[in-house]
Amino acid sequence: MISIKKELCIFVVLFMVTSLAVHYSEWFTNPLVHIDNLFSHPMPLHPFLYVFLVYIVVAVLRGVFILLKKLFRK
């Protein structure tokens, strides 16, 4: 059974990694201004959308890896 805590941790880690990767300079120069500007952005929920798309890709890759592992175990 899939653990919700495990999946939530994966999502949060992906969120932090992608936000740091995309907005590296903003996070290290003025993080509070960056967060404040997020709420005035035309699409304020875009980080969650992008992280969700990355999460889906990671989930598919994890599923393929598990299937391959089961296939070669027999």
PDB file of N, CA and C in Angstrom:
ATOM      1  N   MET A   1       0.829  -1.185   0.000  1.00  0.00           N
ATOM      2  CA  MET A   1       0.000   0.000   0.000  1.00  0.00           C
ATOM      3  C   MET A   1       0.873   1.247   0.000  1.00  0.00           C
ATOM      4  N   ILE A   2       0.467   2.213  -0.766  1.00  0.00           N
ATOM      5  CA  ILE A   2       1.238   3.449  -0.875  1.00  0.00           C
ATOM      6  C   ILE A   2       1.033   4.283   0.382  1.00  0.00           C
ATOM      7  N   SER A   3       2.122   4.736   0.936  1.00  0.00           N
ATOM      8  CA  SER A   3       2.061   5.566   2.125  1.00  0.00           C
ATOM      9  C   SER A   3       1.866   7.027   1.713  1.00  0.00           C
ATOM     10  N   ILE A   4       0.851   7.652   2.266  1.00  0.00           N
ATOM     11  CA  ILE A   4       0.576   9.052   1.925  1.00  0.00           C
ATOM     12  C   ILE A   4       1.689   9.949   2.443  1.00  0.00           C
ATOM     13  N   LYS A   5       2.256   9.607   3.605  1.00  0.00           N
ATOM     14  CA  LYS A   5       3.357  10.409   4.134  1.00  0.00           C
ATOM     15  C   LYS A   5       4.543  10.381   3.185  1.00  0.00           C
ATOM     16  N   LYS A   6       4.838   9.204   2.646  1.00  0.00           N
ATOM     17  CA  LYS A   6       5.962   9.054   1.728  1.00  0.00           C
ATOM     18  C   LYS A   6       5.724   9.882   0.471  1.00  0.00           C
ATOM     19  N   GLU A   7       4.528   9.809  -0.081  1.00  0.00           N
ATOM     20  CA  GLU A   7       4.213  10.559  -1.301  1.00  0.00           C
ATOM     21  C   GLU A   7       4.216  12.060  -1.042  1.00  0.00           C
ATOM     22  N   LEU A   8       3.732  12.479   0.115  1.00  0.00           N
ATOM     23  CA  LEU A   8       3.750  13.895   0.465  1.00  0.00           C
ATOM     24  C   LEU A   8       5.180  14.399   0.616  1.00  0.00           C
ATOM     25  N   CYS A   9       6.040  13.594   1.231  1.00  0.00           N
ATOM     26  CA  CYS A   9       7.455  13.972   1.350  1.00  0.00           C
ATOM     27  C   CYS A   9       8.107  14.094  -0.014  1.00  0.00           C
ATOM     28  N   ILE A  10       7.805  13.170  -0.907  1.00  0.00           N
ATOM     29  CA  ILE A  10       8.352  13.242  -2.264  1.00  0.00           C
ATOM     30  C   ILE A  10       7.880  14.518  -2.956  1.00  0.00           C
ATOM     31  N   PHE A  11       6.598  14.856  -2.806  1.00  0.00           N
ATOM     32  CA  PHE A  11       6.048  16.057  -3.426  1.00  0.00           C
ATOM     33  C   PHE A  11       6.716  17.313  -2.869  1.00  0.00           C
ATOM     34  N   VAL A  12       6.889  17.371  -1.551  1.00  0.00           N
ATOM     35  CA  VAL A  12       7.508  18.546  -0.930  1.00  0.00           C
ATOM     36  C   VAL A  12       8.966  18.689  -1.368  1.00  0.00           C
ATOM     37  N   VAL A  13       9.688  17.587  -1.430  1.00  0.00           N
ATOM     38  CA  VAL A  13      11.077  17.639  -1.890  1.00  0.00           C
ATOM     39  C   VAL A  13      11.137  18.096  -3.340  1.00  0.00           C
ATOM     40  N   LEU A  14      10.270  17.561  -4.179  1.00  0.00           N
ATOM     41  CA  LEU A  14      10.228  18.010  -5.576  1.00  0.00           C
ATOM     42  C   LEU A  14       9.880  19.491  -5.666  1.00  0.00           C
ATOM     43  N   PHE A  15       8.969  19.950  -4.822  1.00  0.00           N
ATOM     44  CA  PHE A  15       8.595  21.362  -4.805  1.00  0.00           C
ATOM     45  C   PHE A  15       9.800  22.238  -4.476  1.00  0.00           C
ATOM     46  N   MET A  16      10.547  21.861  -3.444  1.00  0.00           N
ATOM     47  CA  MET A  16      11.713  22.658  -3.047  1.00  0.00           C
ATOM     48  C   MET A  16      12.808  22.620  -4.110  1.00  0.00           C
ATOM     49  N   VAL A  17      13.064  21.448  -4.649  1.00  0.00           N
ATOM     50  CA  VAL A  17      14.127  21.312  -5.648  1.00  0.00           C
ATOM     51  C   VAL A  17      13.789  22.092  -6.915  1.00  0.00           C
ATOM     52  N   THR A  18      12.546  21.958  -7.397  1.00  0.00           N
ATOM     53  CA  THR A  18      12.205  22.673  -8.630  1.00  0.00           C
ATOM     54  C   THR A  18      12.145  24.180  -8.410  1.00  0.00           C
ATOM     55  N   SER A  19      11.665  24.624  -7.254  1.00  0.00           N
ATOM     56  CA  SER A  19      11.610  26.072  -7.032  1.00  0.00           C
ATOM     57  C   SER A  19      13.010  26.650  -6.893  1.00  0.00           C
ATOM     58  N   LEU A  20      13.910  25.924  -6.243  1.00  0.00           N
ATOM     59  CA  LEU A  20      15.294  26.400  -6.152  1.00  0.00           C
ATOM     60  C   LEU A  20      15.999  26.340  -7.501  1.00  0.00           C
ATOM     61  N   ALA A  21      15.711  25.330  -8.288  1.00  0.00           N
ATOM     62  CA  ALA A  21      16.363  25.202  -9.588  1.00  0.00           C
ATOM     63  C   ALA A  21      15.911  26.294 -10.552  1.00  0.00           C
ATOM     64  N   VAL A  22      14.641  26.631 -10.529  1.00  0.00           N
ATOM     65  CA  VAL A  22      14.110  27.609 -11.478  1.00  0.00           C
ATOM     66  C   VAL A  22      14.399  29.039 -11.032  1.00  0.00           C
ATOM     67  N   HIS A  23      14.286  29.305  -9.723  1.00  0.00           N
ATOM     68  CA  HIS A  23      14.442  30.671  -9.213  1.00  0.00           C
ATOM     69  C   HIS A  23      15.599  30.753  -8.224  1.00  0.00           C
ATOM     70  N   TYR A  24      16.731  30.217  -8.607  1.00  0.00           N
ATOM     71  CA  TYR A  24      17.895  30.143  -7.726  1.00  0.00           C
ATOM     72  C   TYR A  24      18.311  31.514  -7.207  1.00  0.00           C
ATOM     73  N   SER A  25      18.505  32.462  -8.094  1.00  0.00           N
ATOM     74  CA  SER A  25      19.015  33.774  -7.672  1.00  0.00           C
ATOM     75  C   SER A  25      18.008  34.531  -6.813  1.00  0.00           C
ATOM     76  N   GLU A  26      16.718  34.417  -7.137  1.00  0.00           N
ATOM     77  CA  GLU A  26      15.701  35.118  -6.350  1.00  0.00           C
ATOM     78  C   GLU A  26      15.618  34.573  -4.927  1.00  0.00           C
ATOM     79  N   TRP A  27      15.737  33.252  -4.780  1.00  0.00           N
ATOM     80  CA  TRP A  27      15.630  32.660  -3.450  1.00  0.00           C
ATOM     81  C   TRP A  27      16.806  33.031  -2.558  1.00  0.00           C
ATOM     82  N   PHE A  28      17.986  33.224  -3.151  1.00  0.00           N
ATOM     83  CA  PHE A  28      19.152  33.515  -2.332  1.00  0.00           C
ATOM     84  C   PHE A  28      19.434  35.004  -2.180  1.00  0.00           C
ATOM     85  N   THR A  29      18.835  35.848  -3.006  1.00  0.00           N
ATOM     86  CA  THR A  29      19.039  37.285  -2.845  1.00  0.00           C
ATOM     87  C   THR A  29      17.931  37.918  -2.014  1.00  0.00           C
ATOM     88  N   ASN A  30      16.662  37.761  -2.419  1.00  0.00           N
ATOM     89  CA  ASN A  30      15.530  38.343  -1.691  1.00  0.00           C
ATOM     90  C   ASN A  30      14.384  37.331  -1.617  1.00  0.00           C
ATOM     91  N   PRO A  31      14.443  36.364  -0.723  1.00  0.00           N
ATOM     92  CA  PRO A  31      13.378  35.357  -0.679  1.00  0.00           C
ATOM     93  C   PRO A  31      12.011  35.927  -0.291  1.00  0.00           C
ATOM     94  N   LEU A  32      11.977  36.894   0.625  1.00  0.00           N
ATOM     95  CA  LEU A  32      10.690  37.446   1.048  1.00  0.00           C
ATOM     96  C   LEU A  32      10.034  38.249  -0.074  1.00  0.00           C
ATOM     97  N   VAL A  33      10.836  38.978  -0.827  1.00  0.00           N
ATOM     98  CA  VAL A  33      10.296  39.720  -1.978  1.00  0.00           C
ATOM     99  C   VAL A  33       9.794  38.747  -3.028  1.00  0.00           C
ATOM    100  N   HIS A  34      10.502  37.660  -3.203  1.00  0.00           N
ATOM    101  CA  HIS A  34      10.090  36.650  -4.185  1.00  0.00           C
ATOM    102  C   HIS A  34       8.743  36.034  -3.797  1.00  0.00           C
ATOM    103  N   ILE A  35       8.574  35.711  -2.533  1.00  0.00           N
ATOM    104  CA  ILE A  35       7.298  35.153  -2.069  1.00  0.00           C
ATOM    105  C   ILE A  35       6.188  36.186  -2.209  1.00  0.00           C
ATOM    106  N   ASP A  36       6.482  37.438  -1.879  1.00  0.00           N
ATOM    107  CA  ASP A  36       5.485  38.502  -2.002  1.00  0.00           C
ATOM    108  C   ASP A  36       5.081  38.703  -3.468  1.00  0.00           C
ATOM    109  N   ASN A  37       6.040  38.630  -4.373  1.00  0.00           N
ATOM    110  CA  ASN A  37       5.736  38.789  -5.803  1.00  0.00           C
ATOM    111  C   ASN A  37       4.918  37.624  -6.348  1.00  0.00           C
ATOM    112  N   LEU A  38       5.024  36.475  -5.709  1.00  0.00           N
ATOM    113  CA  LEU A  38       4.268  35.309  -6.164  1.00  0.00           C
ATOM    114  C   LEU A  38       2.769  35.563  -6.088  1.00  0.00           C
ATOM    115  N   PHE A  39       2.334  36.290  -5.064  1.00  0.00           N
ATOM    116  CA  PHE A  39       0.903  36.538  -4.907  1.00  0.00           C
ATOM    117  C   PHE A  39       0.371  37.578  -5.881  1.00  0.00           C
ATOM    118  N   SER A  40       1.251  38.374  -6.471  1.00  0.00           N
ATOM    119  CA  SER A  40       0.801  39.336  -7.475  1.00  0.00           C
ATOM    120  C   SER A  40       1.002  38.806  -8.890  1.00  0.00           C
ATOM    121  N   HIS A  41       1.475  37.596  -9.007  1.00  0.00           N
ATOM    122  CA  HIS A  41       1.704  36.957 -10.307  1.00  0.00           C
ATOM    123  C   HIS A  41       0.352  36.653 -10.948  1.00  0.00           C
ATOM    124  N   PRO A  42       0.244  36.755 -12.272  1.00  0.00           N
ATOM    125  CA  PRO A  42      -1.036  36.450 -12.934  1.00  0.00           C
ATOM    126  C   PRO A  42      -1.506  35.019 -12.707  1.00  0.00           C
ATOM    127  N   MET A  43      -0.580  34.121 -12.463  1.00  0.00           N
ATOM    128  CA  MET A  43      -0.934  32.716 -12.211  1.00  0.00           C
ATOM    129  C   MET A  43      -0.234  32.278 -10.923  1.00  0.00           C
ATOM    130  N   PRO A  44      -0.756  32.653  -9.745  1.00  0.00           N
ATOM    131  CA  PRO A  44      -0.030  32.419  -8.493  1.00  0.00           C
ATOM    132  C   PRO A  44       0.147  30.953  -8.118  1.00  0.00           C
ATOM    133  N   LEU A  45      -0.639  30.069  -8.669  1.00  0.00           N
ATOM    134  CA  LEU A  45      -0.508  28.651  -8.326  1.00  0.00           C
ATOM    135  C   LEU A  45       0.370  27.884  -9.313  1.00  0.00           C
ATOM    136  N   HIS A  46       1.106  28.597 -10.174  1.00  0.00           N
ATOM    137  CA  HIS A  46       1.918  27.904 -11.171  1.00  0.00           C
ATOM    138  C   HIS A  46       2.982  26.992 -10.570  1.00  0.00           C
ATOM    139  N   PRO A  47       3.561  27.283  -9.408  1.00  0.00           N
ATOM    140  CA  PRO A  47       4.537  26.324  -8.875  1.00  0.00           C
ATOM    141  C   PRO A  47       3.920  24.955  -8.591  1.00  0.00           C
ATOM    142  N   PHE A  48       2.703  24.944  -8.077  1.00  0.00           N
ATOM    143  CA  PHE A  48       2.053  23.665  -7.785  1.00  0.00           C
ATOM    144  C   PHE A  48       1.722  22.897  -9.064  1.00  0.00           C
ATOM    145  N   LEU A  49       1.355  23.610 -10.110  1.00  0.00           N
ATOM    146  CA  LEU A  49       1.079  22.968 -11.389  1.00  0.00           C
ATOM    147  C   LEU A  49       2.337  22.308 -11.942  1.00  0.00           C
ATOM    148  N   TYR A  50       3.442  23.050 -11.944  1.00  0.00           N
ATOM    149  CA  TYR A  50       4.683  22.500 -12.476  1.00  0.00           C
ATOM    150  C   TYR A  50       5.198  21.341 -11.631  1.00  0.00           C
ATOM    151  N   VAL A  51       5.114  21.467 -10.319  1.00  0.00           N
ATOM    152  CA  VAL A  51       5.568  20.385  -9.450  1.00  0.00           C
ATOM    153  C   VAL A  51       4.679  19.161  -9.632  1.00  0.00           C
ATOM    154  N   PHE A  52       3.389  19.364  -9.814  1.00  0.00           N
ATOM    155  CA  PHE A  52       2.488  18.239 -10.052  1.00  0.00           C
ATOM    156  C   PHE A  52       2.867  17.510 -11.343  1.00  0.00           C
ATOM    157  N   LEU A  53       3.211  18.257 -12.389  1.00  0.00           N
ATOM    158  CA  LEU A  53       3.630  17.628 -13.649  1.00  0.00           C
ATOM    159  C   LEU A  53       4.929  16.842 -13.459  1.00  0.00           C
ATOM    160  N   VAL A  54       5.883  17.405 -12.720  1.00  0.00           N
ATOM    161  CA  VAL A  54       7.133  16.696 -12.439  1.00  0.00           C
ATOM    162  C   VAL A  54       6.850  15.463 -11.583  1.00  0.00           C
ATOM    163  N   TYR A  55       5.936  15.589 -10.631  1.00  0.00           N
ATOM    164  CA  TYR A  55       5.565  14.469  -9.764  1.00  0.00           C
ATOM    165  C   TYR A  55       4.959  13.326 -10.585  1.00  0.00           C
ATOM    166  N   ILE A  56       4.130  13.657 -11.554  1.00  0.00           N
ATOM    167  CA  ILE A  56       3.533  12.627 -12.417  1.00  0.00           C
ATOM    168  C   ILE A  56       4.625  11.901 -13.197  1.00  0.00           C
ATOM    169  N   VAL A  57       5.588  12.643 -13.733  1.00  0.00           N
ATOM    170  CA  VAL A  57       6.689  12.016 -14.475  1.00  0.00           C
ATOM    171  C   VAL A  57       7.481  11.088 -13.550  1.00  0.00           C
ATOM    172  N   VAL A  58       7.781  11.565 -12.350  1.00  0.00           N
ATOM    173  CA  VAL A  58       8.528  10.740 -11.384  1.00  0.00           C
ATOM    174  C   VAL A  58       7.714   9.509 -11.004  1.00  0.00           C
ATOM    175  N   ALA A  59       6.421   9.652 -10.821  1.00  0.00           N
ATOM    176  CA  ALA A  59       5.574   8.510 -10.462  1.00  0.00           C
ATOM    177  C   ALA A  59       5.553   7.470 -11.576  1.00  0.00           C
ATOM    178  N   VAL A  60       5.477   7.925 -12.811  1.00  0.00           N
ATOM    179  CA  VAL A  60       5.498   6.987 -13.947  1.00  0.00           C
ATOM    180  C   VAL A  60       6.842   6.263 -14.001  1.00  0.00           C
ATOM    181  N   LEU A  61       7.939   6.999 -13.820  1.00  0.00           N
ATOM    182  CA  LEU A  61       9.263   6.364 -13.837  1.00  0.00           C
ATOM    183  C   LEU A  61       9.416   5.368 -12.685  1.00  0.00           C
ATOM    184  N   ARG A  62       8.891   5.723 -11.506  1.00  0.00           N
ATOM    185  CA  ARG A  62       8.936   4.789 -10.383  1.00  0.00           C
ATOM    186  C   ARG A  62       8.115   3.541 -10.691  1.00  0.00           C
ATOM    187  N   GLY A  63       6.956   3.703 -11.312  1.00  0.00           N
ATOM    188  CA  GLY A  63       6.122   2.568 -11.683  1.00  0.00           C
ATOM    189  C   GLY A  63       6.802   1.659 -12.685  1.00  0.00           C
ATOM    190  N   VAL A  64       7.440   2.246 -13.681  1.00  0.00           N
ATOM    191  CA  VAL A  64       8.167   1.455 -14.686  1.00  0.00           C
ATOM    192  C   VAL A  64       9.317   0.706 -14.023  1.00  0.00           C
ATOM    193  N   PHE A  65      10.026   1.388 -13.135  1.00  0.00           N
ATOM    194  CA  PHE A  65      11.142   0.744 -12.431  1.00  0.00           C
ATOM    195  C   PHE A  65      10.653  -0.435 -11.598  1.00  0.00           C
ATOM    196  N   ILE A  66       9.538  -0.272 -10.899  1.00  0.00           N
ATOM    197  CA  ILE A  66       8.983  -1.364 -10.078  1.00  0.00           C
ATOM    198  C   ILE A  66       8.555  -2.527 -10.966  1.00  0.00           C
ATOM    199  N   LEU A  67       7.927  -2.234 -12.098  1.00  0.00           N
ATOM    200  CA  LEU A  67       7.519  -3.303 -13.020  1.00  0.00           C
ATOM    201  C   LEU A  67       8.721  -4.047 -13.577  1.00  0.00           C
ATOM    202  N   LEU A  68       9.759  -3.311 -13.964  1.00  0.00           N
ATOM    203  CA  LEU A  68      10.979  -3.958 -14.480  1.00  0.00           C
ATOM    204  C   LEU A  68      11.639  -4.807 -13.393  1.00  0.00           C
ATOM    205  N   LYS A  69      11.640  -4.317 -12.181  1.00  0.00           N
ATOM    206  CA  LYS A  69      12.226  -5.047 -11.069  1.00  0.00           C
ATOM    207  C   LYS A  69      11.466  -6.360 -10.841  1.00  0.00           C
ATOM    208  N   LYS A  70      10.136  -6.310 -10.891  1.00  0.00           N
ATOM    209  CA  LYS A  70       9.330  -7.522 -10.721  1.00  0.00           C
ATOM    210  C   LYS A  70       9.534  -8.480 -11.887  1.00  0.00           C
ATOM    211  N   LEU A  71       9.667  -7.930 -13.093  1.00  0.00           N
ATOM    212  CA  LEU A  71       9.824  -8.752 -14.273  1.00  0.00           C
ATOM    213  C   LEU A  71      11.141  -9.536 -14.232  1.00  0.00           C
ATOM    214  N   PHE A  72      12.220  -8.873 -13.823  1.00  0.00           N
ATOM    215  CA  PHE A  72      13.516  -9.532 -13.817  1.00  0.00           C
ATOM    216  C   PHE A  72      13.785 -10.344 -12.550  1.00  0.00           C
ATOM    217  N   ARG A  73      12.917 -10.211 -11.562  1.00  0.00           N
ATOM    218  CA  ARG A  73      13.079 -10.980 -10.338  1.00  0.00           C
ATOM    219  C   ARG A  73      12.709 -12.430 -10.565  1.00  0.00           C
ATOM    220  N   LYS A  74      11.735 -12.687 -11.443  1.00  0.00           N
ATOM    221  CA  LYS A  74      11.254 -14.050 -11.679  1.00  0.00           C
ATOM    222  C   LYS A  74      12.168 -14.854 -12.541  1.00  0.00           C
TER     223      LYS A  74
END
